[in-house]
Amino acid sequence: MKAAGFFAWSLPLLLAMGLVGCKPELEPPVAASQPASELSSAPIYAEVAVAAASYSSRDLDWQDDKRQRAVPARLYLPAAADGQGADAAARLPLIVFSHGLGGSRRGYSYLGAYWASQGYASLHVQHVGSDRELWTGNVFGLVGRLQTAAKDSEALNRVADMRFALDRLLGSELGARIDAERIVAAGHSYGANTVMLLAGAQVQREGQVLPDLRDPRVKAAILISAPPFYGESEPARILQPVRIPSLHITATEDVIKVPGYYSAAEDRIKVFEAMGGADKTLAVFEGGSHSIFTDRSGTGGLDLNPKVKVATRELSLAFLDHVFAGRSEGMRRWGERYGGLLKRWQPVPFAAEPLLKGSGQGS
């Protein structure tokens, strides 16, 4: 890869968001008056908010002394997990989440709260070198801060953050509640790149493969708006080593644009196609935007935004039911339920042809 870094996409992405006043995440309250029982039987395009009584959250302020780096995190738990009954003693599957550039542990709450309401623990890790602090300080120093966040050192630190957070959680009293055999890594944008490295993606510097960053505790990957590793002409060489099941979610308008730089929606499709292993699923929503998958409520269309969010989180659970329980019925039902929103739907088992709209092009 080029000396500018295998995450060189990050700088133009953040500039694109910042220069047009479109920061990557906002953090509205995640609460609803509907009880969980009503939410589960609500219409297809139910309210995005999750009943506050169905989950709990706590902020964890960890410090990695070895790297002299703070690793804040937010842990979402099912409401029953804070009780004292049999449900409280049950071991929970865990989703560990990596935010996009400029994000924080408070972001993507529509996913964390929902996953917890459905019986998962969800650990949202904050990456202090590429988090929301990028937006603070002197505006004339913004470019310098973005350039620092885009360096290889920060990309590797993000992977180390995820490993450290897993170590701390599993080694804590809370760790006794986690099923270490059912751990999933998920991420959006830069966070998706972080997850790919955890899943086994391999990059090179000056002809030398970097140390293997794969974490064998991660059994599946959820990749939302995953950018490619720019500067590389052979994405398969990087991504073929990824053999765990993967879910890829994007949209036809999931485009990154700044003067002199362009990343088309089909770049997300190339990541999917280059990924190793046959157990991979692709969902491409019609329309949308790159930031429709954040907590922001208007981006990608006021009507479409909540529909995509509801569909995205339901698909993630259907995928995990397939991964951990071997059941594919939920994936089939999801495709039938949300097919009207999709440009392309390619579930496992891998289909030779896309299942929707003829050409199956992602943009």
Protein backbone atom coordinates (compact mmCIF):
# COMPACT_ATOMS: atom_id res chain seq x y z
CA MET A 1 0.00 0.00 0.00
CA LYS A 2 0.97 3.61 -0.43
CA ALA A 3 2.94 5.39 2.26
CA ALA A 4 -0.08 7.59 3.00
CA GLY A 5 -1.61 4.63 4.79
CA PHE A 6 -3.95 1.77 4.13
CA PHE A 7 -6.72 3.86 5.68
CA ALA A 8 -6.10 6.84 3.44
CA TRP A 9 -9.81 6.92 2.65
CA SER A 10 -10.53 8.29 6.11
CA LEU A 11 -9.30 11.84 5.57
CA PRO A 12 -11.42 12.61 2.51
CA LEU A 13 -14.40 10.93 4.12
CA LEU A 14 -14.19 13.08 7.21
CA LEU A 15 -13.53 16.21 5.19
CA ALA A 16 -16.58 15.45 3.08
CA MET A 17 -18.72 15.17 6.18
CA GLY A 18 -17.25 18.16 8.01
CA LEU A 19 -17.10 20.64 5.14
CA VAL A 20 -20.78 20.22 4.32
CA GLY A 21 -21.87 20.36 7.96
CA CYS A 22 -22.70 16.67 8.03
CA LYS A 23 -20.96 15.25 11.08
CA PRO A 24 -20.96 11.48 11.32
CA GLU A 25 -23.14 10.97 14.37
CA LEU A 26 -25.70 12.61 16.58
CA GLU A 27 -26.86 10.97 19.77
CA PRO A 28 -30.61 11.32 20.38
CA PRO A 29 -32.21 9.56 23.33
CA VAL A 30 -33.05 5.91 22.64
CA ALA A 31 -36.35 5.50 24.42
CA ALA A 32 -39.93 4.70 23.54
CA SER A 33 -43.24 4.49 25.31
CA GLN A 34 -43.96 1.11 23.70
CA PRO A 35 -43.10 -1.94 25.79
CA ALA A 36 -40.82 -4.54 24.21
CA SER A 37 -43.76 -6.91 23.66
CA GLU A 38 -45.47 -4.32 21.49
CA LEU A 39 -42.30 -3.46 19.59
CA SER A 40 -41.80 -7.10 18.62
CA SER A 41 -45.23 -7.23 16.98
CA ALA A 42 -45.24 -3.74 15.53
CA PRO A 43 -45.67 -2.99 11.83
CA ILE A 44 -42.74 -3.58 9.49
CA TYR A 45 -41.50 -0.01 9.73
CA ALA A 46 -41.78 0.40 13.47
CA GLU A 47 -40.35 3.32 15.40
CA VAL A 48 -36.58 3.16 15.64
CA ALA A 49 -36.58 3.91 19.37
CA VAL A 50 -36.27 1.01 21.80
CA ALA A 51 -38.29 0.68 25.00
CA ALA A 52 -36.10 1.94 27.82
CA ALA A 53 -37.31 -0.82 30.15
CA SER A 54 -35.96 -3.54 27.85
CA TYR A 55 -32.25 -2.78 28.27
CA SER A 56 -29.70 -1.04 30.46
CA SER A 57 -26.44 0.68 29.63
CA ARG A 58 -23.34 1.61 31.56
CA ASP A 59 -20.25 3.58 30.63
CA LEU A 60 -16.85 1.99 31.27
CA ASP A 61 -13.77 4.22 31.51
CA TRP A 62 -10.83 1.93 30.97
CA GLN A 63 -7.14 2.80 30.64
CA ASP A 64 -4.65 0.69 28.69
CA ASP A 65 -1.51 1.36 30.73
CA LYS A 66 0.70 -0.47 28.26
CA ARG A 67 -0.16 1.99 25.50
CA GLN A 68 -0.94 4.93 27.80
CA ARG A 69 -4.27 5.21 26.04
CA ALA A 70 -7.81 5.62 27.33
CA VAL A 71 -10.35 3.10 26.02
CA PRO A 72 -13.85 4.32 26.93
CA ALA A 73 -16.74 1.99 26.17
CA ARG A 74 -20.48 1.71 26.65
CA LEU A 75 -21.98 -1.66 27.49
CA TYR A 76 -25.61 -2.39 26.65
CA LEU A 77 -27.23 -5.31 28.46
CA PRO A 78 -30.67 -6.91 28.36
CA ALA A 79 -32.76 -5.61 31.25
CA ALA A 80 -32.97 -9.12 32.75
CA ALA A 81 -29.18 -9.31 32.92
CA ASP A 82 -29.21 -6.74 35.72
CA GLY A 83 -31.61 -8.84 37.77
CA GLN A 84 -31.06 -11.72 40.15
CA GLY A 85 -33.13 -14.52 38.57
CA ALA A 86 -32.29 -17.32 36.16
CA ASP A 87 -32.19 -14.92 33.22
CA ALA A 88 -29.54 -12.86 35.00
CA ALA A 89 -27.31 -15.91 35.24
CA ALA A 90 -27.63 -16.85 31.55
CA ARG A 91 -24.54 -16.29 29.42
CA LEU A 92 -25.07 -13.70 26.71
CA PRO A 93 -23.72 -13.51 23.18
CA LEU A 94 -21.67 -10.35 22.67
CA ILE A 95 -21.43 -7.84 19.83
CA VAL A 96 -18.39 -5.55 20.10
CA PHE A 97 -18.82 -2.42 17.96
CA SER A 98 -16.32 -0.01 16.36
CA HIS A 99 -17.55 3.46 15.38
CA GLY A 100 -16.70 5.48 12.29
CA LEU A 101 -14.39 8.49 12.29
CA GLY A 102 -15.60 11.27 14.55
CA GLY A 103 -17.84 8.94 16.53
CA SER A 104 -17.99 7.85 20.15
CA ARG A 105 -19.23 5.13 22.48
CA ARG A 106 -22.59 6.91 22.58
CA GLY A 107 -23.15 6.58 18.85
CA TYR A 108 -25.07 3.87 16.98
CA SER A 109 -27.35 3.61 19.98
CA TYR A 110 -30.23 2.43 17.79
CA LEU A 111 -28.19 -0.75 17.29
CA GLY A 112 -26.78 -1.20 20.80
CA ALA A 113 -30.08 -0.67 22.58
CA TYR A 114 -31.93 -2.93 20.16
CA TRP A 115 -29.40 -5.74 20.37
CA ALA A 116 -29.60 -5.62 24.15
CA SER A 117 -33.41 -5.66 24.07
CA GLN A 118 -33.15 -8.85 22.01
CA GLY A 119 -30.87 -10.70 24.41
CA TYR A 120 -27.37 -9.64 23.32
CA ALA A 121 -24.70 -7.75 25.20
CA SER A 122 -23.30 -4.94 23.05
CA LEU A 123 -19.97 -3.27 23.81
CA HIS A 124 -19.41 0.00 21.93
CA VAL A 125 -15.73 0.95 22.02
CA GLN A 126 -14.56 4.54 21.63
CA HIS A 127 -11.29 5.13 19.74
CA VAL A 128 -9.77 8.26 21.28
CA GLY A 129 -7.42 8.94 18.38
CA SER A 130 -10.24 9.12 15.84
CA ASP A 131 -13.32 9.93 17.90
CA ARG A 132 -15.57 12.98 18.23
CA GLU A 133 -12.71 15.05 19.65
CA LEU A 134 -11.63 15.53 16.05
CA TRP A 135 -14.41 18.09 15.78
CA THR A 136 -13.23 20.19 18.76
CA GLY A 137 -10.45 22.75 18.99
CA ASN A 138 -9.22 25.36 16.54
CA VAL A 139 -10.86 24.95 13.16
CA PHE A 140 -7.56 25.71 11.47
CA GLY A 141 -6.08 22.63 13.07
CA LEU A 142 -8.84 20.34 11.78
CA VAL A 143 -6.92 19.09 8.75
CA GLY A 144 -3.92 18.20 10.91
CA ARG A 145 -6.15 16.31 13.36
CA LEU A 146 -7.77 14.41 10.52
CA GLN A 147 -4.41 13.52 9.02
CA THR A 148 -3.25 12.14 12.36
CA ALA A 149 -6.44 10.09 12.68
CA ALA A 150 -5.83 8.63 9.22
CA LYS A 151 -2.34 7.32 9.99
CA ASP A 152 -1.50 3.63 10.13
CA SER A 153 -0.64 3.97 13.80
CA GLU A 154 -4.20 4.98 14.65
CA ALA A 155 -5.66 2.21 12.47
CA LEU A 156 -3.60 -0.31 14.42
CA ASN A 157 -4.50 1.36 17.71
CA ARG A 158 -8.17 0.89 16.92
CA VAL A 159 -7.63 -2.85 16.56
CA ALA A 160 -5.73 -2.85 19.85
CA ASP A 161 -8.61 -0.93 21.47
CA MET A 162 -11.03 -3.67 20.49
CA ARG A 163 -8.75 -6.43 21.79
CA PHE A 164 -8.14 -4.55 25.03
CA ALA A 165 -11.86 -3.91 25.56
CA LEU A 166 -12.61 -7.60 25.04
CA ASP A 167 -9.86 -8.57 27.47
CA ARG A 168 -11.16 -6.18 30.13
CA LEU A 169 -14.79 -7.15 29.76
CA LEU A 170 -14.17 -10.90 29.73
CA GLY A 171 -11.79 -10.61 32.67
CA SER A 172 -14.22 -8.61 34.78
CA GLU A 173 -17.13 -9.65 36.95
CA LEU A 174 -19.38 -8.82 34.02
CA GLY A 175 -17.39 -11.27 31.91
CA ALA A 176 -19.04 -14.17 33.67
CA ARG A 177 -22.25 -13.18 31.90
CA ILE A 178 -20.69 -13.35 28.42
CA ASP A 179 -20.57 -16.46 26.24
CA ALA A 180 -16.98 -16.34 24.96
CA GLU A 181 -17.89 -18.72 22.14
CA ARG A 182 -20.45 -16.31 20.70
CA ILE A 183 -18.58 -13.06 20.09
CA VAL A 184 -19.23 -10.94 17.00
CA ALA A 185 -17.40 -7.82 15.80
CA ALA A 186 -19.39 -5.09 14.05
CA GLY A 187 -18.50 -1.67 12.71
CA HIS A 188 -19.47 1.16 10.41
CA SER A 189 -17.15 2.85 7.89
CA TYR A 190 -13.69 3.15 9.50
CA GLY A 191 -15.05 0.80 12.14
CA ALA A 192 -15.78 -1.77 9.44
CA ASN A 193 -12.12 -1.62 8.39
CA THR A 194 -11.16 -2.17 12.03
CA VAL A 195 -13.41 -5.23 12.14
CA MET A 196 -11.92 -6.63 8.92
CA LEU A 197 -8.47 -6.57 10.50
CA LEU A 198 -9.83 -8.32 13.59
CA ALA A 199 -11.40 -10.87 11.27
CA GLY A 200 -8.11 -11.68 9.53
CA ALA A 201 -7.54 -9.14 6.75
CA GLN A 202 -3.82 -8.86 5.99
CA VAL A 203 -1.96 -5.83 4.67
CA GLN A 204 1.60 -5.30 3.55
CA ARG A 205 4.27 -2.65 3.97
CA GLU A 206 7.20 -2.62 1.55
CA GLY A 207 6.48 -6.21 0.58
CA GLN A 208 6.23 -7.42 4.18
CA VAL A 209 2.93 -8.66 5.61
CA LEU A 210 2.07 -6.86 8.82
CA PRO A 211 1.65 -8.99 11.94
CA ASP A 212 -1.58 -10.99 11.95
CA LEU A 213 -4.17 -8.89 13.75
CA ARG A 214 -6.87 -11.54 13.71
CA ASP A 215 -8.62 -12.18 17.01
CA PRO A 216 -9.80 -15.82 17.16
CA ARG A 217 -12.44 -14.88 19.72
CA VAL A 218 -14.39 -13.13 16.95
CA LYS A 219 -16.65 -15.69 15.30
CA ALA A 220 -18.49 -13.47 12.79
CA ALA A 221 -18.33 -9.95 11.34
CA ILE A 222 -21.01 -7.36 10.59
CA LEU A 223 -19.61 -4.81 8.14
CA ILE A 224 -21.67 -1.68 7.49
CA SER A 225 -20.54 0.66 4.70
CA ALA A 226 -17.12 -0.96 4.56
CA PRO A 227 -14.64 1.12 2.51
CA PRO A 228 -11.96 -0.71 0.55
CA PHE A 229 -8.29 -0.56 1.42
CA TYR A 230 -7.41 2.26 -0.96
CA GLY A 231 -4.16 2.20 -2.85
CA GLU A 232 -4.43 -1.56 -3.30
CA SER A 233 -5.29 -3.00 -6.69
CA GLU A 234 -5.91 -6.53 -5.40
CA PRO A 235 -8.47 -6.43 -2.58
CA ALA A 236 -8.77 -10.22 -2.62
CA ARG A 237 -5.15 -10.54 -1.51
CA ILE A 238 -6.04 -8.60 1.63
CA LEU A 239 -9.48 -10.06 2.29
CA GLN A 240 -9.19 -13.70 1.22
CA PRO A 241 -7.71 -14.65 4.61
CA VAL A 242 -11.03 -13.65 6.23
CA ARG A 243 -12.86 -16.95 6.64
CA ILE A 244 -15.44 -16.23 9.32
CA PRO A 245 -19.10 -15.57 8.34
CA SER A 246 -19.66 -11.97 7.32
CA LEU A 247 -22.67 -9.72 6.78
CA HIS A 248 -22.22 -6.73 4.47
CA ILE A 249 -24.73 -3.88 4.56
CA THR A 250 -24.65 -0.84 2.27
CA ALA A 251 -26.85 1.33 0.01
CA THR A 252 -26.82 2.47 -3.59
CA GLU A 253 -26.04 6.04 -2.48
CA ASP A 254 -23.39 4.96 0.02
CA VAL A 255 -20.95 7.27 -1.75
CA ILE A 256 -17.97 9.27 -0.49
CA LYS A 257 -17.25 12.45 -2.49
CA VAL A 258 -14.79 15.34 -2.14
CA PRO A 259 -12.92 17.32 -4.81
CA GLY A 260 -10.22 15.12 -6.26
CA TYR A 261 -11.51 12.00 -4.53
CA TYR A 262 -14.37 9.63 -5.20
CA SER A 263 -15.47 6.34 -3.67
CA ALA A 264 -18.50 4.86 -5.38
CA ALA A 265 -21.07 2.64 -3.73
CA GLU A 266 -19.75 -0.28 -5.75
CA ASP A 267 -16.55 -0.14 -3.69
CA ARG A 268 -18.58 -1.70 -0.86
CA ILE A 269 -19.61 -4.46 -3.25
CA LYS A 270 -15.97 -5.10 -4.14
CA VAL A 271 -15.20 -5.63 -0.46
CA PHE A 272 -17.99 -8.20 -0.28
CA GLU A 273 -16.81 -10.00 -3.40
CA ALA A 274 -13.18 -10.07 -2.26
CA MET A 275 -13.98 -11.46 1.17
CA GLY A 276 -12.77 -15.01 1.77
CA GLY A 277 -15.12 -17.85 2.63
CA ALA A 278 -18.50 -18.72 1.18
CA ASP A 279 -20.56 -17.81 4.25
CA LYS A 280 -21.18 -14.18 3.44
CA THR A 281 -24.34 -12.16 2.95
CA LEU A 282 -24.92 -8.87 1.14
CA ALA A 283 -27.81 -6.41 1.49
CA VAL A 284 -27.83 -3.25 -0.65
CA PHE A 285 -30.59 -0.78 0.15
CA GLU A 286 -31.99 1.39 -2.63
CA GLY A 287 -31.03 5.04 -2.07
CA GLY A 288 -29.80 6.07 1.36
CA SER A 289 -26.42 7.63 2.12
CA HIS A 290 -23.12 6.78 3.77
CA SER A 291 -24.29 8.17 7.12
CA ILE A 292 -27.80 6.71 7.07
CA PHE A 293 -26.46 3.93 9.31
CA THR A 294 -25.46 6.34 12.11
CA ASP A 295 -27.88 7.70 14.73
CA ARG A 296 -28.66 10.70 12.50
CA SER A 297 -32.37 10.68 11.74
CA GLY A 298 -32.60 12.66 8.50
CA THR A 299 -29.70 11.62 6.30
CA GLY A 300 -30.59 9.46 3.32
CA GLY A 301 -34.21 10.61 3.38
CA LEU A 302 -36.64 11.32 6.20
CA ASP A 303 -38.91 8.45 5.18
CA LEU A 304 -36.20 5.96 4.22
CA ASN A 305 -33.89 6.54 7.19
CA PRO A 306 -35.95 4.80 9.91
CA LYS A 307 -36.90 1.99 7.54
CA VAL A 308 -33.27 1.22 6.81
CA LYS A 309 -32.37 1.32 10.50
CA VAL A 310 -35.14 -1.09 11.48
CA ALA A 311 -34.30 -3.40 8.58
CA THR A 312 -30.57 -3.28 9.35
CA ARG A 313 -30.87 -4.32 12.95
CA GLU A 314 -33.39 -7.06 12.17
CA LEU A 315 -31.08 -8.42 9.47
CA SER A 316 -28.18 -8.49 11.91
CA LEU A 317 -30.15 -10.74 14.27
CA ALA A 318 -31.28 -13.03 11.46
CA PHE A 319 -27.65 -13.33 10.38
CA LEU A 320 -26.51 -14.19 13.90
CA ASP A 321 -29.29 -16.75 14.25
CA HIS A 322 -27.87 -18.35 11.10
CA VAL A 323 -24.30 -18.20 12.46
CA PHE A 324 -24.90 -19.47 15.96
CA ALA A 325 -27.99 -21.65 15.60
CA GLY A 326 -27.70 -22.81 12.00
CA ARG A 327 -31.14 -21.42 11.17
CA SER A 328 -31.59 -19.64 7.84
CA GLU A 329 -35.35 -19.21 7.99
CA GLY A 330 -34.99 -15.77 9.53
CA MET A 331 -32.84 -14.62 6.62
CA ARG A 332 -35.41 -15.88 4.16
CA ARG A 333 -38.25 -14.12 5.99
CA TRP A 334 -36.19 -10.93 6.21
CA GLY A 335 -35.70 -10.91 2.44
CA GLU A 336 -39.43 -11.31 1.88
CA ARG A 337 -40.29 -8.61 4.40
CA TYR A 338 -37.83 -5.96 3.30
CA GLY A 339 -37.33 -6.83 -0.37
CA GLY A 340 -39.06 -3.62 -1.42
CA LEU A 341 -36.22 -1.59 0.09
CA LEU A 342 -33.45 -3.51 -1.62
CA LYS A 343 -31.47 -3.15 -4.81
CA ARG A 344 -29.59 -6.36 -4.17
CA TRP A 345 -30.02 -9.20 -1.71
CA GLN A 346 -27.53 -12.04 -1.73
CA PRO A 347 -27.88 -14.30 1.31
CA VAL A 348 -26.12 -17.53 2.11
CA PRO A 349 -25.85 -20.05 0.61
CA PHE A 350 -23.94 -17.99 -1.94
CA ALA A 351 -26.05 -17.41 -5.07
CA ALA A 352 -24.45 -17.24 -8.51
CA GLU A 353 -26.84 -14.45 -9.48
CA PRO A 354 -28.29 -11.64 -7.38
CA LEU A 355 -31.85 -12.30 -6.26
CA LEU A 356 -33.36 -8.87 -6.89
CA LYS A 357 -33.74 -6.39 -9.73
CA GLY A 358 -31.95 -8.06 -12.55
CA SER A 359 -28.51 -6.56 -12.88
CA GLY A 360 -27.70 -6.66 -9.18
CA GLN A 361 -25.35 -3.71 -9.44
CA GLY A 362 -24.81 -1.98 -6.15
CA SER A 363 -25.17 1.49 -7.55
